[in-house]
Amino acid sequence: MKNNGLNWTFDTVADSYEKLRPGYVDELYQTIFEYKTINNLSRVVEIGIGGGQATLPILKTGCNLLAVDYGENFCKICREKYKEFPNFSAISGKFEDVDFNGEYDLIYSASAFHWIDEEIGYKKVYDMLKNGGVFARFANHPYRDKDKPALSEKIDQIYAEYYYKYHNKEPKSPAEYTEQQAHDRALIAEKYGFTDIQYKLFYRTRTFTAKEYIMLLGTYSDHIVIEETIRTEFFSKIEEVINKHGGEITIYDTIDLQLASK
């Protein structure tokens, strides 16, 4: 998938992003470590660290972790957040443009690799890995409250009126992420020489108050770019309708993990 030009938006809301975007389940990291042993001798790169949501479990292995992110604000936040780890460093820049020295045992990317052109990204990751090195790609796919169809219907109507009209797109209802999508994403690595390809899905729920939920929406790139007056009214309508339906909304997350070896 090619970069659609919105990745700059996240750094403008770096503090909110760091606080509101979720981390990942422990079972995901266990799966990575069962696939590839990571320890204090390992060299690791994280592509797109964001607010550091996927960093601590990797750092705790004692590995030498170098993070790269397009946003300088994210890098500053994470340098402070992980200042007690001498094995951590972060550089600001586009992964495609950064020169990396040496070879790596693990390269991973959490909800960020889709911003990089597929061919450029996979080829560069492959070249950076040691023989036997591993690429782990994972992402969170949120789906709105299954137990409140009336609420979802109202939110769809608000999206049609504000979000889709602003972006000049045909309205569509969100769809839950499927195992077939995870399977197809895993097989992308095969085209670029990777072997022993595996994937796994993980599930969880998160519940938000109306105000918390619109704060979360304010960290999404395609929402950030909506003109402020329209965005304010859009978010206000969503907050209002959630409050009319019990004051809370539950998000059903599907997290997909793809693993591949060089």
C-alpha atoms as a PDB file:
ATOM      1  CA  MET A   1       0.000   0.000   0.000  1.00  0.00           C
ATOM      2  CA  LYS A   2       1.299   3.436  -0.825  1.00  0.00           C
ATOM      3  CA  ASN A   3       1.616   6.326   1.578  1.00  0.00           C
ATOM      4  CA  ASN A   4      -1.469   8.511   1.122  1.00  0.00           C
ATOM      5  CA  GLY A   5       0.164  11.606   2.557  1.00  0.00           C
ATOM      6  CA  LEU A   6      -1.516  11.824   5.966  1.00  0.00           C
ATOM      7  CA  ASN A   7       1.248  10.374   8.149  1.00  0.00           C
ATOM      8  CA  TRP A   8       2.384  13.905   9.084  1.00  0.00           C
ATOM      9  CA  THR A   9      -0.888  14.446  10.964  1.00  0.00           C
ATOM     10  CA  PHE A  10      -0.077  12.164  13.891  1.00  0.00           C
ATOM     11  CA  ASP A  11       2.831  14.275  15.115  1.00  0.00           C
ATOM     12  CA  THR A  12       0.480  17.259  15.495  1.00  0.00           C
ATOM     13  CA  VAL A  13      -1.425  15.357  18.219  1.00  0.00           C
ATOM     14  CA  ALA A  14       1.513  13.408  19.638  1.00  0.00           C
ATOM     15  CA  ASP A  15       0.593  13.897  23.312  1.00  0.00           C
ATOM     16  CA  SER A  16      -3.019  12.788  22.819  1.00  0.00           C
ATOM     17  CA  TYR A  17      -1.913   9.896  20.630  1.00  0.00           C
ATOM     18  CA  GLU A  18       0.521   8.670  23.299  1.00  0.00           C
ATOM     19  CA  LYS A  19      -2.205   8.760  25.969  1.00  0.00           C
ATOM     20  CA  LEU A  20      -5.171   7.416  24.003  1.00  0.00           C
ATOM     21  CA  ARG A  21      -3.899   4.898  21.477  1.00  0.00           C
ATOM     22  CA  PRO A  22      -3.876   1.368  22.894  1.00  0.00           C
ATOM     23  CA  GLY A  23      -0.932  -0.937  23.344  1.00  0.00           C
ATOM     24  CA  TYR A  24      -0.998  -4.605  22.355  1.00  0.00           C
ATOM     25  CA  VAL A  25      -1.827  -7.787  24.226  1.00  0.00           C
ATOM     26  CA  ASP A  26       0.858  -9.775  26.072  1.00  0.00           C
ATOM     27  CA  GLU A  27       0.078 -12.875  24.008  1.00  0.00           C
ATOM     28  CA  LEU A  28       1.242 -11.071  20.868  1.00  0.00           C
ATOM     29  CA  TYR A  29       4.725 -10.483  22.270  1.00  0.00           C
ATOM     30  CA  GLN A  30       4.878 -14.045  23.580  1.00  0.00           C
ATOM     31  CA  THR A  31       4.146 -15.244  20.058  1.00  0.00           C
ATOM     32  CA  ILE A  32       6.962 -13.092  18.641  1.00  0.00           C
ATOM     33  CA  PHE A  33       9.449 -14.331  21.253  1.00  0.00           C
ATOM     34  CA  GLU A  34       8.477 -17.963  20.659  1.00  0.00           C
ATOM     35  CA  TYR A  35       9.141 -17.424  16.962  1.00  0.00           C
ATOM     36  CA  LYS A  36      12.434 -15.568  17.518  1.00  0.00           C
ATOM     37  CA  THR A  37      14.528 -15.382  20.687  1.00  0.00           C
ATOM     38  CA  ILE A  38      15.391 -11.778  21.534  1.00  0.00           C
ATOM     39  CA  ASN A  39      17.913 -10.948  24.271  1.00  0.00           C
ATOM     40  CA  ASN A  40      20.660  -8.482  25.223  1.00  0.00           C
ATOM     41  CA  LEU A  41      22.723  -9.539  22.204  1.00  0.00           C
ATOM     42  CA  SER A  42      19.939  -8.741  19.744  1.00  0.00           C
ATOM     43  CA  ARG A  43      19.759  -5.661  17.510  1.00  0.00           C
ATOM     44  CA  VAL A  44      16.208  -4.496  16.852  1.00  0.00           C
ATOM     45  CA  VAL A  45      14.539  -1.726  14.820  1.00  0.00           C
ATOM     46  CA  GLU A  46      11.018  -0.438  15.443  1.00  0.00           C
ATOM     47  CA  ILE A  47       9.453   1.272  12.425  1.00  0.00           C
ATOM     48  CA  GLY A  48       6.978   4.019  13.389  1.00  0.00           C
ATOM     49  CA  ILE A  49       7.250   4.111  17.178  1.00  0.00           C
ATOM     50  CA  GLY A  50       4.445   6.659  17.581  1.00  0.00           C
ATOM     51  CA  GLY A  51       3.794   7.091  21.302  1.00  0.00           C
ATOM     52  CA  GLY A  52       5.754   3.955  22.168  1.00  0.00           C
ATOM     53  CA  GLN A  53       2.709   1.715  22.506  1.00  0.00           C
ATOM     54  CA  ALA A  54       4.610  -1.361  21.281  1.00  0.00           C
ATOM     55  CA  THR A  55       8.054  -0.609  22.674  1.00  0.00           C
ATOM     56  CA  LEU A  56       8.335  -1.601  26.347  1.00  0.00           C
ATOM     57  CA  PRO A  57       7.905  -5.398  26.005  1.00  0.00           C
ATOM     58  CA  ILE A  58      10.676  -5.434  23.385  1.00  0.00           C
ATOM     59  CA  LEU A  59      12.953  -3.164  25.432  1.00  0.00           C
ATOM     60  CA  LYS A  60      12.557  -5.426  28.466  1.00  0.00           C
ATOM     61  CA  THR A  61      14.360  -8.216  26.611  1.00  0.00           C
ATOM     62  CA  GLY A  62      17.539  -6.126  26.987  1.00  0.00           C
ATOM     63  CA  CYS A  63      17.995  -5.816  23.233  1.00  0.00           C
ATOM     64  CA  ASN A  64      19.564  -2.789  21.556  1.00  0.00           C
ATOM     65  CA  LEU A  65      16.451  -1.088  20.173  1.00  0.00           C
ATOM     66  CA  LEU A  66      16.613   1.688  17.584  1.00  0.00           C
ATOM     67  CA  ALA A  67      13.277   3.342  16.817  1.00  0.00           C
ATOM     68  CA  VAL A  68      12.534   5.490  13.791  1.00  0.00           C
ATOM     69  CA  ASP A  69       9.523   7.742  13.357  1.00  0.00           C
ATOM     70  CA  TYR A  70       8.505  10.446  10.903  1.00  0.00           C
ATOM     71  CA  GLY A  71       7.449  12.676  13.817  1.00  0.00           C
ATOM     72  CA  GLU A  72      10.042  14.528  15.873  1.00  0.00           C
ATOM     73  CA  ASN A  73       7.485  15.092  18.657  1.00  0.00           C
ATOM     74  CA  PHE A  74       6.946  11.348  18.942  1.00  0.00           C
ATOM     75  CA  CYS A  75      10.694  10.785  19.157  1.00  0.00           C
ATOM     76  CA  LYS A  76      11.001  13.385  21.940  1.00  0.00           C
ATOM     77  CA  ILE A  77       8.137  11.796  23.882  1.00  0.00           C
ATOM     78  CA  CYS A  78       9.659   8.339  23.594  1.00  0.00           C
ATOM     79  CA  ARG A  79      13.197   9.431  24.462  1.00  0.00           C
ATOM     80  CA  GLU A  80      11.770  10.844  27.694  1.00  0.00           C
ATOM     81  CA  LYS A  81       9.429   7.902  28.258  1.00  0.00           C
ATOM     82  CA  TYR A  82      12.249   5.353  27.940  1.00  0.00           C
ATOM     83  CA  LYS A  83      15.145   7.416  29.269  1.00  0.00           C
ATOM     84  CA  GLU A  84      15.910   4.745  31.891  1.00  0.00           C
ATOM     85  CA  PHE A  85      16.778   2.278  29.137  1.00  0.00           C
ATOM     86  CA  PRO A  86      20.348   2.811  27.874  1.00  0.00           C
ATOM     87  CA  ASN A  87      19.592   0.248  25.163  1.00  0.00           C
ATOM     88  CA  PHE A  88      17.001   2.592  23.552  1.00  0.00           C
ATOM     89  CA  SER A  89      17.464   5.295  20.934  1.00  0.00           C
ATOM     90  CA  ALA A  90      15.091   7.077  18.561  1.00  0.00           C
ATOM     91  CA  ILE A  91      15.740   8.962  15.343  1.00  0.00           C
ATOM     92  CA  SER A  92      13.320  11.186  13.461  1.00  0.00           C
ATOM     93  CA  GLY A  93      12.933  10.549   9.763  1.00  0.00           C
ATOM     94  CA  LYS A  94      11.150   8.483   7.162  1.00  0.00           C
ATOM     95  CA  PHE A  95      12.125   4.832   7.331  1.00  0.00           C
ATOM     96  CA  GLU A  96      12.631   4.821   3.564  1.00  0.00           C
ATOM     97  CA  ASP A  97      15.260   7.594   3.816  1.00  0.00           C
ATOM     98  CA  VAL A  98      17.190   6.581   6.941  1.00  0.00           C
ATOM     99  CA  ASP A  99      20.557   4.844   6.530  1.00  0.00           C
ATOM    100  CA  PHE A 100      20.886   1.949   8.959  1.00  0.00           C
ATOM    101  CA  ASN A 101      24.250   0.434   9.825  1.00  0.00           C
ATOM    102  CA  GLY A 102      24.795  -3.298  10.181  1.00  0.00           C
ATOM    103  CA  GLU A 103      22.278  -6.108  10.281  1.00  0.00           C
ATOM    104  CA  TYR A 104      19.360  -6.710  12.614  1.00  0.00           C
ATOM    105  CA  ASP A 105      17.826  -9.694  14.393  1.00  0.00           C
ATOM    106  CA  LEU A 106      14.293  -8.299  14.510  1.00  0.00           C
ATOM    107  CA  ILE A 107      12.536  -5.480  12.684  1.00  0.00           C
ATOM    108  CA  TYR A 108       8.966  -4.778  13.707  1.00  0.00           C
ATOM    109  CA  SER A 109       6.237  -2.279  12.987  1.00  0.00           C
ATOM    110  CA  ALA A 110       3.014  -1.731  14.929  1.00  0.00           C
ATOM    111  CA  SER A 111       0.101  -0.121  13.054  1.00  0.00           C
ATOM    112  CA  ALA A 112       2.558   1.860  10.927  1.00  0.00           C
ATOM    113  CA  PHE A 113       3.920  -0.193   8.038  1.00  0.00           C
ATOM    114  CA  HIS A 114       0.922   0.549   5.783  1.00  0.00           C
ATOM    115  CA  TRP A 115       2.267   4.106   5.425  1.00  0.00           C
ATOM    116  CA  ILE A 116       5.272   2.776   3.513  1.00  0.00           C
ATOM    117  CA  ASP A 117       5.200   1.766  -0.134  1.00  0.00           C
ATOM    118  CA  GLU A 118       5.002  -2.036  -0.065  1.00  0.00           C
ATOM    119  CA  GLU A 119       7.871  -2.784  -2.426  1.00  0.00           C
ATOM    120  CA  ILE A 120      10.225  -0.225  -0.885  1.00  0.00           C
ATOM    121  CA  GLY A 121       9.359  -1.256   2.673  1.00  0.00           C
ATOM    122  CA  TYR A 122       9.608  -5.023   2.355  1.00  0.00           C
ATOM    123  CA  LYS A 123      12.775  -4.899   0.272  1.00  0.00           C
ATOM    124  CA  LYS A 124      14.501  -2.580   2.725  1.00  0.00           C
ATOM    125  CA  VAL A 125      13.470  -4.664   5.752  1.00  0.00           C
ATOM    126  CA  TYR A 126      14.724  -7.830   4.031  1.00  0.00           C
ATOM    127  CA  ASP A 127      18.075  -6.222   3.227  1.00  0.00           C
ATOM    128  CA  MET A 128      18.508  -4.970   6.809  1.00  0.00           C
ATOM    129  CA  LEU A 129      17.899  -8.338   8.462  1.00  0.00           C
ATOM    130  CA  LYS A 130      20.565 -10.880   9.294  1.00  0.00           C
ATOM    131  CA  ASN A 131      20.087 -14.330   7.806  1.00  0.00           C
ATOM    132  CA  GLY A 132      17.543 -15.879  10.161  1.00  0.00           C
ATOM    133  CA  GLY A 133      16.347 -12.417  11.190  1.00  0.00           C
ATOM    134  CA  VAL A 134      12.628 -11.784  11.579  1.00  0.00           C
ATOM    135  CA  PHE A 135      10.110  -9.188  10.435  1.00  0.00           C
ATOM    136  CA  ALA A 136       7.061  -8.783  12.676  1.00  0.00           C
ATOM    137  CA  ARG A 137       4.217  -6.649  11.393  1.00  0.00           C
ATOM    138  CA  PHE A 138       1.129  -6.105  13.514  1.00  0.00           C
ATOM    139  CA  ALA A 139      -1.793  -3.713  13.721  1.00  0.00           C
ATOM    140  CA  ASN A 140      -4.957  -2.985  15.649  1.00  0.00           C
ATOM    141  CA  HIS A 141      -8.280  -2.919  13.784  1.00  0.00           C
ATOM    142  CA  PRO A 142     -11.084  -1.373  15.873  1.00  0.00           C
ATOM    143  CA  TYR A 143     -14.745  -2.127  15.215  1.00  0.00           C
ATOM    144  CA  ARG A 144     -17.631  -0.205  16.763  1.00  0.00           C
ATOM    145  CA  ASP A 145     -19.975  -1.510  19.451  1.00  0.00           C
ATOM    146  CA  LYS A 146     -21.663  -4.768  18.333  1.00  0.00           C
ATOM    147  CA  ASP A 147     -24.168  -4.691  21.185  1.00  0.00           C
ATOM    148  CA  LYS A 148     -25.699  -1.314  20.305  1.00  0.00           C
ATOM    149  CA  PRO A 149     -26.855  -1.492  16.668  1.00  0.00           C
ATOM    150  CA  ALA A 150     -29.033   1.613  17.073  1.00  0.00           C
ATOM    151  CA  LEU A 151     -25.994   3.600  18.234  1.00  0.00           C
ATOM    152  CA  SER A 152     -23.886   2.340  15.343  1.00  0.00           C
ATOM    153  CA  GLU A 153     -26.615   3.275  12.889  1.00  0.00           C
ATOM    154  CA  LYS A 154     -26.779   6.818  14.276  1.00  0.00           C
ATOM    155  CA  ILE A 155     -22.988   7.165  14.122  1.00  0.00           C
ATOM    156  CA  ASP A 156     -23.045   5.942  10.498  1.00  0.00           C
ATOM    157  CA  GLN A 157     -25.528   8.710   9.692  1.00  0.00           C
ATOM    158  CA  ILE A 158     -23.269  11.321  11.318  1.00  0.00           C
ATOM    159  CA  TYR A 159     -20.274  10.011   9.369  1.00  0.00           C
ATOM    160  CA  ALA A 160     -22.243  10.261   6.128  1.00  0.00           C
ATOM    161  CA  GLU A 161     -23.182  13.859   6.907  1.00  0.00           C
ATOM    162  CA  TYR A 162     -19.724  15.052   7.991  1.00  0.00           C
ATOM    163  CA  TYR A 163     -16.812  12.687   7.357  1.00  0.00           C
ATOM    164  CA  TYR A 164     -17.788  11.248   3.963  1.00  0.00           C
ATOM    165  CA  LYS A 165     -19.139  14.529   2.664  1.00  0.00           C
ATOM    166  CA  TYR A 166     -15.902  16.317   3.639  1.00  0.00           C
ATOM    167  CA  HIS A 167     -13.697  13.656   2.022  1.00  0.00           C
ATOM    168  CA  ASN A 168     -16.041  13.469  -0.996  1.00  0.00           C
ATOM    169  CA  LYS A 169     -16.462   9.697  -0.638  1.00  0.00           C
ATOM    170  CA  GLU A 170     -19.439   7.381  -0.795  1.00  0.00           C
ATOM    171  CA  PRO A 171     -20.613   6.458   2.728  1.00  0.00           C
ATOM    172  CA  LYS A 172     -19.960   2.908   3.858  1.00  0.00           C
ATOM    173  CA  SER A 173     -20.460   1.065   7.122  1.00  0.00           C
ATOM    174  CA  PRO A 174     -17.331  -0.177   8.909  1.00  0.00           C
ATOM    175  CA  ALA A 175     -16.535  -3.878   8.578  1.00  0.00           C
ATOM    176  CA  GLU A 176     -14.826  -6.101  11.117  1.00  0.00           C
ATOM    177  CA  TYR A 177     -11.296  -7.220  10.202  1.00  0.00           C
ATOM    178  CA  THR A 178     -11.248 -10.828   8.997  1.00  0.00           C
ATOM    179  CA  GLU A 179      -8.874 -13.771   9.199  1.00  0.00           C
ATOM    180  CA  GLN A 180      -8.738 -13.802   5.390  1.00  0.00           C
ATOM    181  CA  GLN A 181      -7.367 -10.249   5.438  1.00  0.00           C
ATOM    182  CA  ALA A 182      -4.714 -11.286   7.962  1.00  0.00           C
ATOM    183  CA  HIS A 183      -3.804 -14.298   5.823  1.00  0.00           C
ATOM    184  CA  ASP A 184      -3.515 -12.199   2.669  1.00  0.00           C
ATOM    185  CA  ARG A 185      -1.394  -9.598   4.455  1.00  0.00           C
ATOM    186  CA  ALA A 186       0.944 -12.309   5.760  1.00  0.00           C
ATOM    187  CA  LEU A 187       1.560 -13.634   2.266  1.00  0.00           C
ATOM    188  CA  ILE A 188       2.818 -10.258   1.015  1.00  0.00           C
ATOM    189  CA  ALA A 189       6.205 -11.041   2.601  1.00  0.00           C
ATOM    190  CA  GLU A 190       6.544 -14.153   0.417  1.00  0.00           C
ATOM    191  CA  LYS A 191       6.840 -11.955  -2.677  1.00  0.00           C
ATOM    192  CA  TYR A 192      10.003 -10.400  -1.269  1.00  0.00           C
ATOM    193  CA  GLY A 193      11.895 -13.555  -0.349  1.00  0.00           C
ATOM    194  CA  PHE A 194      10.716 -14.147   3.225  1.00  0.00           C
ATOM    195  CA  THR A 195      10.047 -17.688   4.460  1.00  0.00           C
ATOM    196  CA  ASP A 196       8.343 -19.493   7.388  1.00  0.00           C
ATOM    197  CA  ILE A 197       5.444 -17.053   7.190  1.00  0.00           C
ATOM    198  CA  GLN A 198       2.935 -17.202  10.043  1.00  0.00           C
ATOM    199  CA  TYR A 199       0.050 -15.097  11.286  1.00  0.00           C
ATOM    200  CA  LYS A 200      -2.182 -14.980  14.333  1.00  0.00           C
ATOM    201  CA  LEU A 201      -5.189 -12.953  15.483  1.00  0.00           C
ATOM    202  CA  PHE A 202      -5.842 -11.569  18.967  1.00  0.00           C
ATOM    203  CA  TYR A 203      -9.014  -9.998  20.347  1.00  0.00           C
ATOM    204  CA  ARG A 204      -9.992  -7.566  23.095  1.00  0.00           C
ATOM    205  CA  THR A 205     -12.582  -4.896  23.933  1.00  0.00           C
ATOM    206  CA  ARG A 206     -12.162  -1.306  25.112  1.00  0.00           C
ATOM    207  CA  THR A 207     -14.949   0.851  26.580  1.00  0.00           C
ATOM    208  CA  PHE A 208     -14.995   4.654  26.377  1.00  0.00           C
ATOM    209  CA  THR A 209     -17.166   7.439  27.673  1.00  0.00           C
ATOM    210  CA  ALA A 210     -18.502   9.744  24.960  1.00  0.00           C
ATOM    211  CA  LYS A 211     -15.826  12.352  25.681  1.00  0.00           C
ATOM    212  CA  GLU A 212     -13.015   9.788  25.721  1.00  0.00           C
ATOM    213  CA  TYR A 213     -14.181   8.380  22.407  1.00  0.00           C
ATOM    214  CA  ILE A 214     -14.135  11.687  20.543  1.00  0.00           C
ATOM    215  CA  MET A 215     -10.674  12.365  22.005  1.00  0.00           C
ATOM    216  CA  LEU A 216      -9.600   9.049  20.489  1.00  0.00           C
ATOM    217  CA  LEU A 217     -11.126   9.990  17.126  1.00  0.00           C
ATOM    218  CA  GLY A 218      -9.028  13.140  17.291  1.00  0.00           C
ATOM    219  CA  THR A 219      -5.881  10.996  16.890  1.00  0.00           C
ATOM    220  CA  TYR A 220      -6.956   9.503  13.546  1.00  0.00           C
ATOM    221  CA  SER A 221      -5.240  11.042  10.522  1.00  0.00           C
ATOM    222  CA  ASP A 222      -8.316  11.224   8.290  1.00  0.00           C
ATOM    223  CA  HIS A 223     -10.230  12.940  11.115  1.00  0.00           C
ATOM    224  CA  ILE A 224      -7.444  15.390  12.002  1.00  0.00           C
ATOM    225  CA  VAL A 225      -7.419  16.837   8.477  1.00  0.00           C
ATOM    226  CA  ILE A 226     -11.120  17.746   8.536  1.00  0.00           C
ATOM    227  CA  GLU A 227     -11.516  21.523   8.743  1.00  0.00           C
ATOM    228  CA  GLU A 228     -11.712  22.517  12.408  1.00  0.00           C
ATOM    229  CA  THR A 229     -15.222  24.009  12.453  1.00  0.00           C
ATOM    230  CA  ILE A 230     -16.666  20.971  10.687  1.00  0.00           C
ATOM    231  CA  ARG A 231     -14.630  18.569  12.843  1.00  0.00           C
ATOM    232  CA  THR A 232     -15.822  20.229  16.058  1.00  0.00           C
ATOM    233  CA  GLU A 233     -19.474  19.902  15.022  1.00  0.00           C
ATOM    234  CA  PHE A 234     -18.884  16.333  13.778  1.00  0.00           C
ATOM    235  CA  PHE A 235     -17.348  15.246  17.095  1.00  0.00           C
ATOM    236  CA  SER A 236     -20.022  17.056  19.089  1.00  0.00           C
ATOM    237  CA  LYS A 237     -22.762  15.126  17.260  1.00  0.00           C
ATOM    238  CA  ILE A 238     -21.020  11.820  17.984  1.00  0.00           C
ATOM    239  CA  GLU A 239     -20.568  12.690  21.661  1.00  0.00           C
ATOM    240  CA  GLU A 240     -24.238  13.657  21.880  1.00  0.00           C
ATOM    241  CA  VAL A 241     -25.510  10.433  20.324  1.00  0.00           C
ATOM    242  CA  ILE A 242     -23.311   8.240  22.551  1.00  0.00           C
ATOM    243  CA  ASN A 243     -24.633  10.053  25.605  1.00  0.00           C
ATOM    244  CA  LYS A 244     -28.182   9.375  24.383  1.00  0.00           C
ATOM    245  CA  HIS A 245     -27.362   5.655  24.202  1.00  0.00           C
ATOM    246  CA  GLY A 246     -26.044   5.087  27.705  1.00  0.00           C
ATOM    247  CA  GLY A 247     -22.973   7.328  27.700  1.00  0.00           C
ATOM    248  CA  GLU A 248     -20.487   4.610  26.700  1.00  0.00           C
ATOM    249  CA  ILE A 249     -19.254   2.920  23.555  1.00  0.00           C
ATOM    250  CA  THR A 250     -17.367  -0.375  23.376  1.00  0.00           C
ATOM    251  CA  ILE A 251     -14.779  -0.992  20.692  1.00  0.00           C
ATOM    252  CA  TYR A 252     -14.025  -4.552  19.578  1.00  0.00           C
ATOM    253  CA  ASP A 253     -10.386  -4.802  18.541  1.00  0.00           C
ATOM    254  CA  THR A 254      -8.902  -7.402  16.222  1.00  0.00           C
ATOM    255  CA  ILE A 255      -5.089  -7.388  16.307  1.00  0.00           C
ATOM    256  CA  ASP A 256      -3.305  -9.223  13.504  1.00  0.00           C
ATOM    257  CA  LEU A 257       0.318 -10.322  13.698  1.00  0.00           C
ATOM    258  CA  GLN A 258       2.370 -11.436  10.709  1.00  0.00           C
ATOM    259  CA  LEU A 259       5.784 -13.065  11.169  1.00  0.00           C
ATOM    260  CA  ALA A 260       8.339 -13.852   8.466  1.00  0.00           C
ATOM    261  CA  SER A 261      12.008 -14.937   8.411  1.00  0.00           C
ATOM    262  CA  LYS A 262      14.895 -14.081   6.123  1.00  0.00           C
END
